[in-house]
Amino acid sequence: MPDAPREARVPVGVDPSRASIARVYDAFLGGTDNYEIDREVFRRVQSAAPEARDLALDNRAFLIRACRFIASKTGIKQFLDCGSGLPTAENVHQVVQRFDPEARVVYIDNDPVVLAHGRALLEENAYTHFVAADIFEPEQVLENAVVRKHIDFSEPVAFLQFGTLHHYEGSKEGPAGLMKRYIDALPTGSYVAISHFLDPENEHSSVARHMEEHFRGSPMGSGTFRTKAEIEELFDGLEMVDPGVTLCARWWPDGPELNHLSQAQECIAGGVGVKR
């Protein structure tokens, strides 16, 4: 008998009639852990920018390079990943534990599908842990018992916010305020990595704003494109690692840029900072 459609095998706690940030990203990456409502969001954004999938691909590639840099160059052995999303080919723990098999990774998410995958990972990796918490409530994360057990805040921490803060729906100053509370809690020597949808303030701005309209008007209801200056505010108080906030595709790429960037690639940026 063939497998039942995914929509007919909905896990407990999952509402397939509401789009999920984690599942929408999975749809953007071409994964299978998503529902029709999530694929609808992808199609809407793709109508604004045919290369919309590049947003997710460049975000994931930046995650890998930034984590590889932190793990291989800084000596940090503990990673706190906010809004981890669904497991894919290269996750934070796989990248960093290649350099140190005992590097500790705590993933934070509140999506039931993500948490189900997380529980499966716990069975195979003693240094990886999952916490169900709202990343937009810093105290909820920082005071969590599992976080406190596995992350030693007397030693440097790698704090990660990949593709998360643009989904904050609240005051314009909200993301910077959230990051200040997190950064204040980090010890000296900690590194912070962030990626974020970008309004490049050039000929690609209209595409960014069109994608933003589709993200925010879709069943997901979030996806704000901020300017470079606004993204830099998220790193307030940190010393930026060269080249600072830049397009994800251009943050220490693995090789020369052989082709022109797509319009979507011009609309996602990232950076890494260190707390001195």
Protein backbone atom coordinates (compact mmCIF):
# COMPACT_ATOMS: atom_id res chain seq x y z
CA MET A 1 0.00 0.00 0.00
CA PRO A 2 1.50 3.42 -0.92
CA ASP A 3 2.33 5.89 1.82
CA ALA A 4 -0.51 8.18 2.86
CA PRO A 5 -0.20 11.81 1.76
CA ARG A 6 1.80 13.84 4.26
CA GLU A 7 -1.29 15.91 5.08
CA ALA A 8 -3.00 12.68 6.20
CA ARG A 9 -0.16 11.87 8.63
CA VAL A 10 -0.13 15.02 10.72
CA PRO A 11 1.87 14.70 13.97
CA VAL A 12 0.21 15.58 17.25
CA GLY A 13 0.35 19.31 17.93
CA VAL A 14 0.80 20.31 14.27
CA ASP A 15 -1.81 22.45 12.50
CA PRO A 16 -1.45 21.85 8.74
CA SER A 17 -3.84 24.75 8.01
CA ARG A 18 -1.31 27.28 9.36
CA ALA A 19 2.04 27.97 7.77
CA SER A 20 5.12 27.33 9.90
CA ILE A 21 8.36 29.29 9.53
CA ALA A 22 10.42 26.10 9.83
CA ARG A 23 8.30 24.21 7.30
CA VAL A 24 8.26 27.15 4.87
CA TYR A 25 12.06 27.19 4.93
CA ASP A 26 11.99 23.45 4.33
CA ALA A 27 9.79 24.08 1.27
CA PHE A 28 12.23 26.75 0.05
CA LEU A 29 15.07 24.24 0.36
CA GLY A 30 13.11 21.62 -1.58
CA GLY A 31 12.51 19.42 1.47
CA THR A 32 9.57 17.12 2.20
CA ASP A 33 8.71 18.08 5.80
CA ASN A 34 6.09 20.64 4.79
CA TYR A 35 2.42 20.95 3.90
CA GLU A 36 0.46 22.59 1.10
CA ILE A 37 -0.01 25.76 3.16
CA ASP A 38 3.79 26.08 3.46
CA ARG A 39 4.32 25.48 -0.24
CA GLU A 40 1.75 28.20 -0.95
CA VAL A 41 3.99 30.72 0.84
CA PHE A 42 6.95 29.63 -1.28
CA ARG A 43 4.93 29.98 -4.50
CA ARG A 44 3.74 33.46 -3.55
CA VAL A 45 7.25 34.71 -2.83
CA GLN A 46 8.53 32.99 -5.95
CA SER A 47 6.01 35.00 -7.98
CA ALA A 48 7.81 38.14 -6.77
CA ALA A 49 11.28 36.72 -7.42
CA PRO A 50 11.64 33.52 -9.47
CA GLU A 51 14.97 32.84 -7.73
CA ALA A 52 13.38 33.12 -4.24
CA ARG A 53 14.81 29.72 -3.30
CA ASP A 54 18.22 31.43 -3.25
CA LEU A 55 17.20 33.19 -0.03
CA ALA A 56 17.15 29.86 1.78
CA LEU A 57 20.13 28.38 -0.05
CA ASP A 58 22.37 31.38 0.69
CA ASN A 59 21.18 31.46 4.30
CA ARG A 60 22.11 27.79 4.74
CA ALA A 61 25.48 28.23 3.03
CA PHE A 62 26.26 31.23 5.25
CA LEU A 63 25.32 29.20 8.33
CA ILE A 64 27.79 26.49 7.33
CA ARG A 65 30.65 28.91 6.64
CA ALA A 66 30.06 31.01 9.76
CA CYS A 67 29.87 27.95 12.02
CA ARG A 68 32.94 26.46 10.37
CA PHE A 69 34.83 29.70 11.02
CA ILE A 70 33.78 29.89 14.68
CA ALA A 71 34.50 26.21 15.35
CA SER A 72 37.86 26.14 13.60
CA LYS A 73 39.32 29.55 14.49
CA THR A 74 37.99 30.75 17.85
CA GLY A 75 38.26 27.77 20.21
CA ILE A 76 34.59 28.10 21.22
CA LYS A 77 33.08 24.77 22.22
CA GLN A 78 29.44 25.69 22.92
CA PHE A 79 26.80 26.88 20.48
CA LEU A 80 23.32 28.25 21.18
CA ASP A 81 21.24 28.18 17.99
CA CYS A 82 17.99 30.15 18.12
CA GLY A 83 15.28 29.07 15.68
CA SER A 84 17.14 26.00 14.51
CA GLY A 85 14.53 24.91 11.95
CA LEU A 86 14.21 21.46 10.45
CA PRO A 87 17.30 19.28 10.05
CA THR A 88 18.82 19.38 6.58
CA ALA A 89 22.06 18.19 4.95
CA GLU A 90 24.44 20.22 7.15
CA ASN A 91 23.25 21.31 10.58
CA VAL A 92 25.14 23.31 13.18
CA HIS A 93 26.16 20.29 15.26
CA GLN A 94 27.42 18.41 12.21
CA VAL A 95 29.56 21.37 11.12
CA VAL A 96 31.09 22.18 14.50
CA GLN A 97 31.52 18.62 15.77
CA ARG A 98 33.65 17.91 12.73
CA PHE A 99 36.25 20.11 14.42
CA ASP A 100 35.48 19.10 18.01
CA PRO A 101 33.35 15.96 18.50
CA GLU A 102 32.52 17.15 22.03
CA ALA A 103 31.34 20.63 21.03
CA ARG A 104 27.98 21.24 22.71
CA VAL A 105 25.04 22.49 20.65
CA VAL A 106 21.70 23.56 22.09
CA TYR A 107 18.96 24.17 19.55
CA ILE A 108 15.99 26.39 20.43
CA ASP A 109 12.68 26.18 18.57
CA ASN A 110 8.98 25.94 19.32
CA ASP A 111 7.72 24.24 16.17
CA PRO A 112 6.28 20.77 16.94
CA VAL A 113 7.73 19.22 13.77
CA VAL A 114 11.19 20.61 14.58
CA LEU A 115 10.96 19.31 18.13
CA ALA A 116 9.98 15.84 16.90
CA HIS A 117 13.09 15.76 14.70
CA GLY A 118 15.09 17.10 17.63
CA ARG A 119 14.05 14.26 19.88
CA ALA A 120 15.26 11.80 17.24
CA LEU A 121 18.63 13.56 17.10
CA LEU A 122 19.01 13.32 20.87
CA GLU A 123 19.16 9.56 20.57
CA GLU A 124 22.23 9.66 18.35
CA ASN A 125 24.27 12.59 19.68
CA ALA A 126 25.08 13.07 23.36
CA TYR A 127 26.38 16.61 22.82
CA THR A 128 23.29 17.95 21.01
CA HIS A 129 20.20 19.14 22.86
CA PHE A 130 16.83 20.65 21.95
CA VAL A 131 14.75 23.13 23.92
CA ALA A 132 11.15 24.16 23.26
CA ALA A 133 11.10 27.92 23.80
CA ASP A 134 10.19 31.20 22.09
CA ILE A 135 13.37 32.80 20.73
CA PHE A 136 11.65 36.20 20.84
CA GLU A 137 11.48 35.91 24.64
CA PRO A 138 15.17 36.07 25.65
CA GLU A 139 14.57 35.41 29.34
CA GLN A 140 12.63 32.26 28.44
CA VAL A 141 15.68 31.00 26.56
CA LEU A 142 18.43 32.23 28.87
CA GLU A 143 16.76 30.95 32.04
CA ASN A 144 15.81 27.56 30.61
CA ALA A 145 17.11 24.69 32.75
CA VAL A 146 18.42 22.68 29.78
CA VAL A 147 20.20 25.74 28.37
CA ARG A 148 21.76 26.44 31.76
CA LYS A 149 22.83 22.81 32.15
CA HIS A 150 24.64 22.56 28.82
CA ILE A 151 25.77 26.15 28.14
CA ASP A 152 28.34 27.58 30.56
CA PHE A 153 27.86 31.36 30.53
CA SER A 154 31.20 31.85 32.30
CA GLU A 155 32.90 30.74 29.06
CA PRO A 156 32.57 32.17 25.51
CA VAL A 157 29.46 31.11 23.61
CA ALA A 158 28.62 31.11 19.91
CA PHE A 159 25.15 32.65 19.71
CA LEU A 160 23.34 32.07 16.40
CA GLN A 161 20.31 33.75 14.84
CA PHE A 162 20.18 32.52 11.25
CA GLY A 163 17.13 33.64 9.30
CA THR A 164 15.05 34.33 12.40
CA LEU A 165 14.88 37.99 13.33
CA HIS A 166 13.14 39.04 10.12
CA HIS A 167 10.17 37.01 11.33
CA TYR A 168 9.76 39.13 14.46
CA GLU A 169 6.40 40.89 14.29
CA GLY A 170 6.34 43.83 16.66
CA SER A 171 7.87 47.27 17.02
CA LYS A 172 10.49 48.37 14.50
CA GLU A 173 13.07 48.51 17.30
CA GLY A 174 12.09 45.06 18.58
CA PRO A 175 14.85 42.90 17.01
CA ALA A 176 17.63 45.23 18.17
CA GLY A 177 16.17 45.22 21.68
CA LEU A 178 15.98 41.42 21.68
CA MET A 179 19.57 41.13 20.57
CA LYS A 180 20.76 43.59 23.21
CA ARG A 181 19.26 41.39 25.93
CA TYR A 182 20.96 38.32 24.48
CA ILE A 183 24.31 40.06 23.93
CA ASP A 184 24.30 41.50 27.46
CA ALA A 185 24.01 37.93 28.80
CA LEU A 186 26.98 36.64 26.79
CA PRO A 187 30.47 36.54 28.31
CA THR A 188 33.45 38.35 26.82
CA GLY A 189 34.91 36.45 23.87
CA SER A 190 31.53 35.23 22.62
CA TYR A 191 30.67 35.33 18.92
CA VAL A 192 27.31 36.27 17.43
CA ALA A 193 26.23 35.28 13.91
CA ILE A 194 23.08 36.68 12.28
CA SER A 195 21.52 36.44 8.82
CA HIS A 196 18.58 38.60 7.80
CA PHE A 197 16.46 39.56 4.78
CA LEU A 198 17.97 42.71 3.25
CA ASP A 199 16.60 45.79 1.53
CA PRO A 200 19.76 46.61 -0.47
CA GLU A 201 18.60 50.19 -1.13
CA ASN A 202 19.49 49.98 -4.81
CA GLU A 203 17.93 48.68 -8.02
CA HIS A 204 16.98 45.47 -6.20
CA SER A 205 14.96 47.22 -3.48
CA SER A 206 11.70 46.86 -5.38
CA VAL A 207 12.21 43.08 -5.51
CA ALA A 208 12.96 43.02 -1.76
CA ARG A 209 9.80 44.97 -0.98
CA HIS A 210 7.73 42.84 -3.33
CA MET A 211 9.00 39.67 -1.60
CA GLU A 212 8.27 41.28 1.77
CA GLU A 213 4.67 41.97 0.72
CA HIS A 214 4.23 38.33 -0.27
CA PHE A 215 5.85 36.99 2.90
CA ARG A 216 3.83 39.21 5.20
CA GLY A 217 0.61 38.84 3.20
CA SER A 218 0.95 35.05 3.02
CA PRO A 219 -0.39 32.50 5.54
CA MET A 220 2.97 32.82 7.34
CA GLY A 221 2.41 36.53 8.01
CA SER A 222 6.02 37.59 8.59
CA GLY A 223 9.21 38.42 6.71
CA THR A 224 10.62 41.95 7.02
CA PHE A 225 13.44 43.17 4.77
CA ARG A 226 15.68 45.60 6.68
CA THR A 227 18.45 47.87 5.42
CA LYS A 228 22.12 47.20 6.05
CA ALA A 229 22.19 49.91 8.73
CA GLU A 230 19.20 48.33 10.47
CA ILE A 231 20.86 44.90 10.41
CA GLU A 232 24.08 46.39 11.77
CA GLU A 233 22.07 47.66 14.76
CA LEU A 234 21.48 44.02 15.71
CA PHE A 235 25.22 43.72 16.43
CA ASP A 236 25.35 46.82 18.65
CA GLY A 237 28.30 46.67 21.05
CA LEU A 238 30.14 43.96 19.11
CA GLU A 239 33.33 44.14 17.07
CA MET A 240 32.54 42.92 13.58
CA VAL A 241 34.58 40.22 11.90
CA ASP A 242 35.73 41.38 8.47
CA PRO A 243 33.90 42.06 6.11
CA GLY A 244 31.13 43.09 8.53
CA VAL A 245 27.51 42.85 7.43
CA THR A 246 27.47 41.88 3.77
CA LEU A 247 25.52 39.75 1.33
CA CYS A 248 25.47 36.15 2.57
CA ALA A 249 26.90 35.01 -0.76
CA ARG A 250 29.91 37.31 -0.24
CA TRP A 251 30.74 36.49 3.40
CA TRP A 252 33.93 34.48 2.96
CA PRO A 253 32.70 32.42 -0.01
CA ASP A 254 34.25 29.06 -0.76
CA GLY A 255 35.49 30.19 -4.16
CA PRO A 256 35.39 32.92 -6.79
CA GLU A 257 32.07 34.37 -7.91
CA LEU A 258 31.70 32.95 -11.41
CA ASN A 259 28.16 34.17 -12.10
CA HIS A 260 26.16 37.27 -11.35
CA LEU A 261 24.14 37.02 -8.16
CA SER A 262 20.40 36.57 -8.58
CA GLN A 263 18.04 39.28 -7.37
CA ALA A 264 17.13 37.14 -4.35
CA GLN A 265 20.82 36.72 -3.45
CA GLU A 266 21.08 40.52 -3.38
CA CYS A 267 18.39 40.53 -0.68
CA ILE A 268 19.84 38.48 2.19
CA ALA A 269 22.80 39.56 4.33
CA GLY A 270 24.74 38.25 7.26
CA GLY A 271 27.58 38.99 9.61
CA VAL A 272 29.57 37.77 12.60
CA GLY A 273 30.59 39.87 15.59
CA VAL A 274 32.64 39.26 18.73
CA LYS A 275 32.07 40.63 22.22
CA ARG A 276 35.24 42.23 23.55
